[in-house]
Amino acid sequence: MYRNQYDTDVTTYSPAGRLHQVEYAMEAVKQGSAAVGLRSDEIVVLASLKRRTNELASYQQKVFKIDEHCGIAVSGLIADARVLRKYMINECLNHKFVYDTPAQVGRVVLKLSDKSQVYTQKSEKRPYGVGLLVAGYDKTGPHLYQTVPSGNYFEYIAQAMGARSQSAKTYLEKYYEEFDEMKLDDLVHHALMSLKGSSRDEKLTSRNVTVAYVGKDLPFTILENDDVKPYVLKVNGGNDDSDNDNDNDNDNDNSEDAAGAGGDDDDDNDMDVDK
């Protein structure tokens, strides 16, 4: 998309009736790393790919806990996601303080979408550039919602968003009719299998994947690193490339120790390291 005279603020309509800044925010969601969600009759599962800016950086958090009965997976601008996460936490706390019961997931999503919509009609504001998959379990059962920057929200049996998410959607459309009676382990397996096609050239590892679940008698729980490793091994046929990364790190450390033990006999090698 290119800048034009109709995208200087969010309240300016183009001749075609489009709000370009809202469309830019929607595009930010499409550029974020993929996230998927699916539910059965009693459990909701979220899974997300994590990114890092370079090999020296840690992976960015993509799944957040809101309350004991709900949480979110995000795609887009993480800074905006943290603002919305704080808003949702406050809404859940206020509802629990006043009514002494957990907030219904649908009502929290409705308030969140209303907040997002307000930011599409004030010229001094900008739309939130993040999409959310909201998973929760309340007295009406399990729920999976998707919110978008325009203020719309939808409830799904299974959904994917983010970069290259079409591959995940195709997988979910193929198997969604089987989800109703599935147990937790099977749902997690399908969530990771759907992500596998969206991971581009990078393989799924216990480092770059986050899984979360919530359900009947199951509080919202996030699985990362060693906790998610058994599921990743099953999807990859017993291989987890994060182990290879650790081995490479150890090999590099050993090589550096050996180079240090060799002394300063070779000035050319020192020049190569400096470069």
C-alpha atoms as a PDB file:
ATOM      1  CA  MET A   1       0.000   0.000   0.000  1.00  0.00           C
ATOM      2  CA  TYR A   2       1.205   3.516  -0.810  1.00  0.00           C
ATOM      3  CA  ARG A   3       0.630   6.759   1.002  1.00  0.00           C
ATOM      4  CA  ASN A   4      -1.964   9.058  -0.561  1.00  0.00           C
ATOM      5  CA  GLN A   5      -3.952  12.183   0.224  1.00  0.00           C
ATOM      6  CA  TYR A   6      -6.744  10.196   1.889  1.00  0.00           C
ATOM      7  CA  ASP A   7      -4.730   8.486   4.639  1.00  0.00           C
ATOM      8  CA  THR A   8      -3.568  11.494   6.675  1.00  0.00           C
ATOM      9  CA  ASP A   9      -6.075  10.708   9.417  1.00  0.00           C
ATOM     10  CA  VAL A  10      -8.520   7.960  10.232  1.00  0.00           C
ATOM     11  CA  THR A  11     -11.699   9.996   9.608  1.00  0.00           C
ATOM     12  CA  THR A  12     -10.953  10.832   5.953  1.00  0.00           C
ATOM     13  CA  TYR A  13     -12.840   8.663   3.478  1.00  0.00           C
ATOM     14  CA  SER A  14     -11.438   8.026   0.018  1.00  0.00           C
ATOM     15  CA  PRO A  15     -13.733   8.535  -3.028  1.00  0.00           C
ATOM     16  CA  ALA A  16     -14.244   4.767  -2.980  1.00  0.00           C
ATOM     17  CA  GLY A  17     -15.559   4.957   0.597  1.00  0.00           C
ATOM     18  CA  ARG A  18     -12.474   3.412   2.214  1.00  0.00           C
ATOM     19  CA  LEU A  19     -10.675   4.346   5.433  1.00  0.00           C
ATOM     20  CA  HIS A  20      -7.056   3.734   4.527  1.00  0.00           C
ATOM     21  CA  GLN A  21      -5.659   3.909   8.061  1.00  0.00           C
ATOM     22  CA  VAL A  22      -8.035   1.156   9.158  1.00  0.00           C
ATOM     23  CA  GLU A  23      -6.895  -0.916   6.202  1.00  0.00           C
ATOM     24  CA  TYR A  24      -3.260  -0.293   7.167  1.00  0.00           C
ATOM     25  CA  ALA A  25      -4.022  -1.570  10.662  1.00  0.00           C
ATOM     26  CA  MET A  26      -5.629  -4.678   9.166  1.00  0.00           C
ATOM     27  CA  GLU A  27      -2.509  -5.158   7.053  1.00  0.00           C
ATOM     28  CA  ALA A  28      -0.351  -5.036  10.211  1.00  0.00           C
ATOM     29  CA  VAL A  29      -2.307  -8.031  11.511  1.00  0.00           C
ATOM     30  CA  LYS A  30      -1.627  -9.924   8.284  1.00  0.00           C
ATOM     31  CA  GLN A  31       2.104  -9.221   8.613  1.00  0.00           C
ATOM     32  CA  GLY A  32       2.331 -10.579  12.175  1.00  0.00           C
ATOM     33  CA  SER A  33       3.390 -14.149  12.903  1.00  0.00           C
ATOM     34  CA  ALA A  34       0.642 -16.737  12.646  1.00  0.00           C
ATOM     35  CA  ALA A  35      -1.677 -17.648  15.509  1.00  0.00           C
ATOM     36  CA  VAL A  36      -4.401 -20.295  15.548  1.00  0.00           C
ATOM     37  CA  GLY A  37      -7.245 -21.240  17.835  1.00  0.00           C
ATOM     38  CA  LEU A  38      -9.658 -24.181  17.964  1.00  0.00           C
ATOM     39  CA  ARG A  39     -12.163 -25.555  20.408  1.00  0.00           C
ATOM     40  CA  SER A  40     -14.019 -28.698  21.354  1.00  0.00           C
ATOM     41  CA  ASP A  41     -17.136 -29.036  23.498  1.00  0.00           C
ATOM     42  CA  GLU A  42     -15.107 -28.441  26.676  1.00  0.00           C
ATOM     43  CA  ILE A  43     -11.660 -27.071  25.773  1.00  0.00           C
ATOM     44  CA  VAL A  44     -10.212 -24.159  23.792  1.00  0.00           C
ATOM     45  CA  VAL A  45      -6.619 -24.264  22.528  1.00  0.00           C
ATOM     46  CA  LEU A  46      -4.455 -21.416  21.240  1.00  0.00           C
ATOM     47  CA  ALA A  47      -1.104 -21.789  19.472  1.00  0.00           C
ATOM     48  CA  SER A  48       1.217 -19.159  18.065  1.00  0.00           C
ATOM     49  CA  LEU A  49       4.557 -18.828  16.312  1.00  0.00           C
ATOM     50  CA  LYS A  50       7.048 -16.533  18.004  1.00  0.00           C
ATOM     51  CA  ARG A  51       9.523 -14.294  16.197  1.00  0.00           C
ATOM     52  CA  ARG A  52      12.828 -12.722  17.140  1.00  0.00           C
ATOM     53  CA  THR A  53      14.605  -9.810  15.483  1.00  0.00           C
ATOM     54  CA  ASN A  54      17.893 -11.713  15.148  1.00  0.00           C
ATOM     55  CA  GLU A  55      19.707 -14.728  16.539  1.00  0.00           C
ATOM     56  CA  LEU A  56      20.964 -12.758  19.538  1.00  0.00           C
ATOM     57  CA  ALA A  57      17.463 -11.732  20.634  1.00  0.00           C
ATOM     58  CA  SER A  58      14.886 -13.635  22.627  1.00  0.00           C
ATOM     59  CA  TYR A  59      11.546 -14.656  21.141  1.00  0.00           C
ATOM     60  CA  GLN A  60       8.662 -12.213  21.520  1.00  0.00           C
ATOM     61  CA  GLN A  61       5.731 -13.228  23.676  1.00  0.00           C
ATOM     62  CA  LYS A  62       2.552 -13.815  21.671  1.00  0.00           C
ATOM     63  CA  VAL A  63       0.145 -15.432  24.159  1.00  0.00           C
ATOM     64  CA  PHE A  64      -1.083 -13.627  27.284  1.00  0.00           C
ATOM     65  CA  LYS A  65      -3.205 -14.609  30.250  1.00  0.00           C
ATOM     66  CA  ILE A  66      -6.166 -12.339  31.016  1.00  0.00           C
ATOM     67  CA  ASP A  67      -7.874 -14.202  33.868  1.00  0.00           C
ATOM     68  CA  GLU A  68      -8.115 -17.734  35.175  1.00  0.00           C
ATOM     69  CA  HIS A  69     -10.810 -18.467  32.603  1.00  0.00           C
ATOM     70  CA  CYS A  70      -9.532 -16.646  29.501  1.00  0.00           C
ATOM     71  CA  GLY A  71      -6.492 -15.514  27.554  1.00  0.00           C
ATOM     72  CA  ILE A  72      -5.410 -14.185  24.166  1.00  0.00           C
ATOM     73  CA  ALA A  73      -3.076 -14.886  21.258  1.00  0.00           C
ATOM     74  CA  VAL A  74      -2.086 -11.845  19.203  1.00  0.00           C
ATOM     75  CA  SER A  75      -0.826 -10.979  15.738  1.00  0.00           C
ATOM     76  CA  GLY A  76       0.363  -7.523  14.738  1.00  0.00           C
ATOM     77  CA  LEU A  77       1.845  -4.769  16.889  1.00  0.00           C
ATOM     78  CA  ILE A  78       2.696  -6.285  20.268  1.00  0.00           C
ATOM     79  CA  ALA A  79       2.801  -2.866  21.935  1.00  0.00           C
ATOM     80  CA  ASP A  80      -0.860  -2.316  21.016  1.00  0.00           C
ATOM     81  CA  ALA A  81      -1.646  -5.838  22.213  1.00  0.00           C
ATOM     82  CA  ARG A  82      -0.270  -5.032  25.666  1.00  0.00           C
ATOM     83  CA  VAL A  83      -2.546  -1.994  25.923  1.00  0.00           C
ATOM     84  CA  LEU A  84      -5.611  -4.070  25.036  1.00  0.00           C
ATOM     85  CA  ARG A  85      -4.484  -6.857  27.360  1.00  0.00           C
ATOM     86  CA  LYS A  86      -4.330  -4.388  30.270  1.00  0.00           C
ATOM     87  CA  TYR A  87      -7.815  -3.137  29.401  1.00  0.00           C
ATOM     88  CA  MET A  88      -9.220  -6.682  29.360  1.00  0.00           C
ATOM     89  CA  ILE A  89      -7.569  -7.526  32.689  1.00  0.00           C
ATOM     90  CA  ASN A  90      -9.121  -4.432  34.291  1.00  0.00           C
ATOM     91  CA  GLU A  91     -12.561  -5.302  32.917  1.00  0.00           C
ATOM     92  CA  CYS A  92     -12.318  -8.844  34.315  1.00  0.00           C
ATOM     93  CA  LEU A  93     -11.138  -7.574  37.699  1.00  0.00           C
ATOM     94  CA  ASN A  94     -13.901  -4.951  37.908  1.00  0.00           C
ATOM     95  CA  HIS A  95     -16.569  -7.530  37.042  1.00  0.00           C
ATOM     96  CA  LYS A  96     -15.262  -9.975  39.636  1.00  0.00           C
ATOM     97  CA  PHE A  97     -15.085  -7.235  42.288  1.00  0.00           C
ATOM     98  CA  VAL A  98     -18.663  -6.067  41.680  1.00  0.00           C
ATOM     99  CA  TYR A  99     -20.433  -9.378  40.964  1.00  0.00           C
ATOM    100  CA  ASP A 100     -18.070 -11.901  42.594  1.00  0.00           C
ATOM    101  CA  THR A 101     -18.163 -14.065  39.437  1.00  0.00           C
ATOM    102  CA  PRO A 102     -15.866 -14.337  36.405  1.00  0.00           C
ATOM    103  CA  ALA A 103     -16.801 -12.079  33.508  1.00  0.00           C
ATOM    104  CA  GLN A 104     -18.480 -13.692  30.527  1.00  0.00           C
ATOM    105  CA  VAL A 105     -16.011 -13.910  27.675  1.00  0.00           C
ATOM    106  CA  GLY A 106     -18.439 -12.540  25.083  1.00  0.00           C
ATOM    107  CA  ARG A 107     -19.083  -9.383  27.106  1.00  0.00           C
ATOM    108  CA  VAL A 108     -15.379  -8.685  27.540  1.00  0.00           C
ATOM    109  CA  VAL A 109     -14.847  -9.125  23.793  1.00  0.00           C
ATOM    110  CA  LEU A 110     -17.781  -6.789  23.083  1.00  0.00           C
ATOM    111  CA  LYS A 111     -16.286  -4.047  25.273  1.00  0.00           C
ATOM    112  CA  LEU A 112     -12.884  -4.575  23.692  1.00  0.00           C
ATOM    113  CA  SER A 113     -14.331  -4.259  20.190  1.00  0.00           C
ATOM    114  CA  ASP A 114     -16.217  -1.094  21.164  1.00  0.00           C
ATOM    115  CA  LYS A 115     -12.935   0.383  22.386  1.00  0.00           C
ATOM    116  CA  SER A 116     -11.230  -0.541  19.112  1.00  0.00           C
ATOM    117  CA  GLN A 117     -14.054   0.981  17.070  1.00  0.00           C
ATOM    118  CA  VAL A 118     -13.814   4.322  18.898  1.00  0.00           C
ATOM    119  CA  TYR A 119     -10.221   4.615  17.694  1.00  0.00           C
ATOM    120  CA  THR A 120     -11.428   4.433  14.071  1.00  0.00           C
ATOM    121  CA  GLN A 121     -13.621   7.562  14.330  1.00  0.00           C
ATOM    122  CA  LYS A 122     -11.402  10.125  16.083  1.00  0.00           C
ATOM    123  CA  SER A 123      -8.927  12.077  13.994  1.00  0.00           C
ATOM    124  CA  GLU A 124      -6.503  12.470  16.908  1.00  0.00           C
ATOM    125  CA  LYS A 125      -6.310   8.685  17.376  1.00  0.00           C
ATOM    126  CA  ARG A 126      -5.170   5.770  15.235  1.00  0.00           C
ATOM    127  CA  PRO A 127      -6.575   2.243  15.017  1.00  0.00           C
ATOM    128  CA  TYR A 128      -4.952  -0.502  17.051  1.00  0.00           C
ATOM    129  CA  GLY A 129      -2.735  -2.473  14.691  1.00  0.00           C
ATOM    130  CA  VAL A 130      -3.319  -5.851  16.281  1.00  0.00           C
ATOM    131  CA  GLY A 131      -5.735  -8.743  15.983  1.00  0.00           C
ATOM    132  CA  LEU A 132      -6.653 -10.988  18.904  1.00  0.00           C
ATOM    133  CA  LEU A 133      -7.803 -14.567  19.264  1.00  0.00           C
ATOM    134  CA  VAL A 134      -9.648 -14.697  22.582  1.00  0.00           C
ATOM    135  CA  ALA A 135     -10.095 -18.103  24.219  1.00  0.00           C
ATOM    136  CA  GLY A 136     -12.254 -18.569  27.279  1.00  0.00           C
ATOM    137  CA  TYR A 137     -14.572 -20.828  29.221  1.00  0.00           C
ATOM    138  CA  ASP A 138     -17.521 -19.506  31.216  1.00  0.00           C
ATOM    139  CA  LYS A 139     -20.928 -20.722  32.378  1.00  0.00           C
ATOM    140  CA  THR A 140     -22.140 -20.768  28.764  1.00  0.00           C
ATOM    141  CA  GLY A 141     -19.324 -23.077  27.659  1.00  0.00           C
ATOM    142  CA  PRO A 142     -16.081 -22.720  25.664  1.00  0.00           C
ATOM    143  CA  HIS A 143     -15.624 -19.760  23.338  1.00  0.00           C
ATOM    144  CA  LEU A 144     -13.161 -18.675  20.666  1.00  0.00           C
ATOM    145  CA  TYR A 145     -13.399 -15.119  19.330  1.00  0.00           C
ATOM    146  CA  GLN A 146     -11.386 -13.091  16.856  1.00  0.00           C
ATOM    147  CA  THR A 147     -11.201  -9.290  17.044  1.00  0.00           C
ATOM    148  CA  VAL A 148      -9.893  -7.004  14.285  1.00  0.00           C
ATOM    149  CA  PRO A 149      -8.761  -3.331  14.295  1.00  0.00           C
ATOM    150  CA  SER A 150     -11.993  -2.131  12.677  1.00  0.00           C
ATOM    151  CA  GLY A 151     -13.967  -3.097  15.793  1.00  0.00           C
ATOM    152  CA  ASN A 152     -15.595  -6.216  14.360  1.00  0.00           C
ATOM    153  CA  TYR A 153     -15.501  -9.484  16.246  1.00  0.00           C
ATOM    154  CA  PHE A 154     -16.503 -13.015  15.320  1.00  0.00           C
ATOM    155  CA  GLU A 155     -16.920 -16.323  17.128  1.00  0.00           C
ATOM    156  CA  TYR A 156     -15.356 -19.435  15.597  1.00  0.00           C
ATOM    157  CA  ILE A 157     -14.931 -23.152  16.028  1.00  0.00           C
ATOM    158  CA  ALA A 158     -11.419 -22.763  14.601  1.00  0.00           C
ATOM    159  CA  GLN A 159      -9.570 -19.788  13.144  1.00  0.00           C
ATOM    160  CA  ALA A 160      -6.094 -18.651  12.091  1.00  0.00           C
ATOM    161  CA  MET A 161      -4.645 -15.182  11.505  1.00  0.00           C
ATOM    162  CA  GLY A 162      -1.309 -13.625  10.656  1.00  0.00           C
ATOM    163  CA  ALA A 163       1.294 -14.162   7.960  1.00  0.00           C
ATOM    164  CA  ARG A 164       0.756 -17.232   5.747  1.00  0.00           C
ATOM    165  CA  SER A 165      -2.288 -18.165   7.829  1.00  0.00           C
ATOM    166  CA  GLN A 166      -4.179 -19.440   4.779  1.00  0.00           C
ATOM    167  CA  SER A 167      -2.294 -22.720   5.054  1.00  0.00           C
ATOM    168  CA  ALA A 168      -3.456 -23.104   8.655  1.00  0.00           C
ATOM    169  CA  LYS A 169      -7.041 -22.204   7.703  1.00  0.00           C
ATOM    170  CA  THR A 170      -7.037 -24.855   4.990  1.00  0.00           C
ATOM    171  CA  TYR A 171      -5.903 -27.473   7.503  1.00  0.00           C
ATOM    172  CA  LEU A 172      -8.511 -26.417  10.070  1.00  0.00           C
ATOM    173  CA  GLU A 173     -11.302 -26.467   7.474  1.00  0.00           C
ATOM    174  CA  LYS A 174     -10.351 -30.045   6.684  1.00  0.00           C
ATOM    175  CA  TYR A 175     -10.580 -31.345  10.259  1.00  0.00           C
ATOM    176  CA  TYR A 176     -12.853 -28.953  12.190  1.00  0.00           C
ATOM    177  CA  GLU A 177     -15.820 -31.352  12.202  1.00  0.00           C
ATOM    178  CA  GLU A 178     -13.791 -33.758  14.341  1.00  0.00           C
ATOM    179  CA  PHE A 179     -12.889 -31.212  17.032  1.00  0.00           C
ATOM    180  CA  ASP A 180     -16.072 -31.437  19.130  1.00  0.00           C
ATOM    181  CA  GLU A 181     -15.223 -34.741  20.839  1.00  0.00           C
ATOM    182  CA  MET A 182     -11.431 -34.325  20.988  1.00  0.00           C
ATOM    183  CA  LYS A 183      -9.328 -34.342  24.135  1.00  0.00           C
ATOM    184  CA  LEU A 184      -6.660 -31.789  25.007  1.00  0.00           C
ATOM    185  CA  ASP A 185      -3.677 -33.638  23.524  1.00  0.00           C
ATOM    186  CA  ASP A 186      -5.425 -34.140  20.193  1.00  0.00           C
ATOM    187  CA  LEU A 187      -6.461 -30.484  19.972  1.00  0.00           C
ATOM    188  CA  VAL A 188      -2.907 -29.331  20.688  1.00  0.00           C
ATOM    189  CA  HIS A 189      -1.603 -31.702  18.020  1.00  0.00           C
ATOM    190  CA  HIS A 190      -3.986 -30.279  15.416  1.00  0.00           C
ATOM    191  CA  ALA A 191      -3.117 -26.716  16.441  1.00  0.00           C
ATOM    192  CA  LEU A 192       0.588 -27.366  15.899  1.00  0.00           C
ATOM    193  CA  MET A 193      -0.016 -29.242  12.662  1.00  0.00           C
ATOM    194  CA  SER A 194      -1.945 -26.253  11.305  1.00  0.00           C
ATOM    195  CA  LEU A 195       0.903 -23.931  12.321  1.00  0.00           C
ATOM    196  CA  LYS A 196       3.457 -26.119  10.609  1.00  0.00           C
ATOM    197  CA  GLY A 197       2.454 -24.911   7.161  1.00  0.00           C
ATOM    198  CA  SER A 198       2.611 -21.262   8.264  1.00  0.00           C
ATOM    199  CA  SER A 199       6.135 -21.382   9.653  1.00  0.00           C
ATOM    200  CA  ARG A 200       7.792 -20.602   6.307  1.00  0.00           C
ATOM    201  CA  ASP A 201      11.286 -22.130   6.160  1.00  0.00           C
ATOM    202  CA  GLU A 202      11.655 -22.252   9.955  1.00  0.00           C
ATOM    203  CA  LYS A 203      10.765 -25.542  11.590  1.00  0.00           C
ATOM    204  CA  LEU A 204       8.596 -25.755  14.684  1.00  0.00           C
ATOM    205  CA  THR A 205      10.646 -25.988  17.861  1.00  0.00           C
ATOM    206  CA  SER A 206       9.920 -25.729  21.554  1.00  0.00           C
ATOM    207  CA  ARG A 207      11.531 -22.281  21.428  1.00  0.00           C
ATOM    208  CA  ASN A 208       9.462 -20.648  18.702  1.00  0.00           C
ATOM    209  CA  VAL A 209       6.019 -22.074  19.583  1.00  0.00           C
ATOM    210  CA  THR A 210       3.628 -21.227  22.394  1.00  0.00           C
ATOM    211  CA  VAL A 211       0.519 -23.247  23.234  1.00  0.00           C
ATOM    212  CA  ALA A 212      -2.230 -22.330  25.698  1.00  0.00           C
ATOM    213  CA  TYR A 213      -5.476 -23.981  26.732  1.00  0.00           C
ATOM    214  CA  VAL A 214      -8.503 -23.365  28.919  1.00  0.00           C
ATOM    215  CA  GLY A 215     -11.607 -25.413  29.538  1.00  0.00           C
ATOM    216  CA  LYS A 216     -13.984 -27.066  31.947  1.00  0.00           C
ATOM    217  CA  ASP A 217     -12.124 -27.430  35.264  1.00  0.00           C
ATOM    218  CA  LEU A 218      -8.944 -26.289  33.443  1.00  0.00           C
ATOM    219  CA  PRO A 219      -7.601 -22.798  34.231  1.00  0.00           C
ATOM    220  CA  PHE A 220      -5.888 -20.862  31.464  1.00  0.00           C
ATOM    221  CA  THR A 221      -2.420 -22.391  31.127  1.00  0.00           C
ATOM    222  CA  ILE A 222       0.467 -21.395  28.857  1.00  0.00           C
ATOM    223  CA  LEU A 223       2.923 -24.044  27.635  1.00  0.00           C
ATOM    224  CA  GLU A 224       6.372 -22.939  26.498  1.00  0.00           C
ATOM    225  CA  ASN A 225       9.854 -24.414  26.092  1.00  0.00           C
ATOM    226  CA  ASP A 226      10.109 -27.771  27.901  1.00  0.00           C
ATOM    227  CA  ASP A 227       6.359 -27.863  28.602  1.00  0.00           C
ATOM    228  CA  VAL A 228       5.476 -27.785  24.900  1.00  0.00           C
ATOM    229  CA  LYS A 229       8.408 -29.947  23.778  1.00  0.00           C
ATOM    230  CA  PRO A 230       6.562 -33.322  23.846  1.00  0.00           C
ATOM    231  CA  TYR A 231       3.883 -31.955  21.498  1.00  0.00           C
ATOM    232  CA  VAL A 232       6.489 -30.490  19.117  1.00  0.00           C
ATOM    233  CA  LEU A 233       8.390 -33.791  19.056  1.00  0.00           C
ATOM    234  CA  LYS A 234       5.205 -35.608  18.067  1.00  0.00           C
ATOM    235  CA  VAL A 235       4.499 -33.169  15.229  1.00  0.00           C
ATOM    236  CA  ASN A 236       8.104 -33.287  13.949  1.00  0.00           C
ATOM    237  CA  GLY A 237       8.376 -37.054  14.141  1.00  0.00           C
ATOM    238  CA  GLY A 238      10.652 -37.088  17.184  1.00  0.00           C
ATOM    239  CA  ASN A 239      12.920 -34.177  16.187  1.00  0.00           C
ATOM    240  CA  ASP A 240      13.216 -30.842  17.967  1.00  0.00           C
ATOM    241  CA  ASP A 241      15.608 -28.420  16.284  1.00  0.00           C
ATOM    242  CA  SER A 242      15.971 -26.441  19.508  1.00  0.00           C
ATOM    243  CA  ASP A 243      18.253 -29.254  20.686  1.00  0.00           C
ATOM    244  CA  ASN A 244      20.396 -28.692  17.611  1.00  0.00           C
ATOM    245  CA  ASP A 245      20.538 -25.000  18.412  1.00  0.00           C
ATOM    246  CA  ASN A 246      21.825 -25.805  21.881  1.00  0.00           C
ATOM    247  CA  ASP A 247      24.411 -28.180  20.424  1.00  0.00           C
ATOM    248  CA  ASN A 248      25.552 -25.487  17.986  1.00  0.00           C
ATOM    249  CA  ASP A 249      25.865 -22.997  20.826  1.00  0.00           C
ATOM    250  CA  ASN A 250      27.998 -25.464  22.768  1.00  0.00           C
ATOM    251  CA  ASP A 251      30.134 -26.171  19.693  1.00  0.00           C
ATOM    252  CA  ASN A 252      30.691 -22.447  19.211  1.00  0.00           C
ATOM    253  CA  ASP A 253      31.678 -22.073  22.856  1.00  0.00           C
ATOM    254  CA  ASN A 254      34.121 -24.965  22.565  1.00  0.00           C
ATOM    255  CA  SER A 255      35.597 -23.500  19.393  1.00  0.00           C
ATOM    256  CA  GLU A 256      36.085 -20.136  21.070  1.00  0.00           C
ATOM    257  CA  ASP A 257      37.760 -21.820  24.066  1.00  0.00           C
ATOM    258  CA  ALA A 258      40.078 -23.703  21.739  1.00  0.00           C
ATOM    259  CA  ALA A 259      40.916 -20.525  19.841  1.00  0.00           C
ATOM    260  CA  GLY A 260      41.680 -18.761  23.111  1.00  0.00           C
ATOM    261  CA  ALA A 261      43.934 -21.604  24.212  1.00  0.00           C
ATOM    262  CA  GLY A 262      45.901 -21.286  20.971  1.00  0.00           C
ATOM    263  CA  GLY A 263      47.331 -17.938  22.013  1.00  0.00           C
ATOM    264  CA  ASP A 264      48.099 -15.006  19.713  1.00  0.00           C
ATOM    265  CA  ASP A 265      50.361 -16.804  17.266  1.00  0.00           C
ATOM    266  CA  ASP A 266      48.254 -15.953  14.210  1.00  0.00           C
ATOM    267  CA  ASP A 267      47.568 -12.245  13.755  1.00  0.00           C
ATOM    268  CA  ASP A 268      45.484 -12.883  10.624  1.00  0.00           C
ATOM    269  CA  ASN A 269      42.938 -14.859  12.657  1.00  0.00           C
ATOM    270  CA  ASP A 270      42.591 -11.951  15.082  1.00  0.00           C
ATOM    271  CA  MET A 271      41.874  -9.611  12.181  1.00  0.00           C
ATOM    272  CA  ASP A 272      39.144 -11.935  10.866  1.00  0.00           C
ATOM    273  CA  VAL A 273      37.410 -11.987  14.255  1.00  0.00           C
ATOM    274  CA  ASP A 274      37.477  -8.178  14.456  1.00  0.00           C
ATOM    275  CA  LYS A 275      35.856  -7.951  11.049  1.00  0.00           C
END
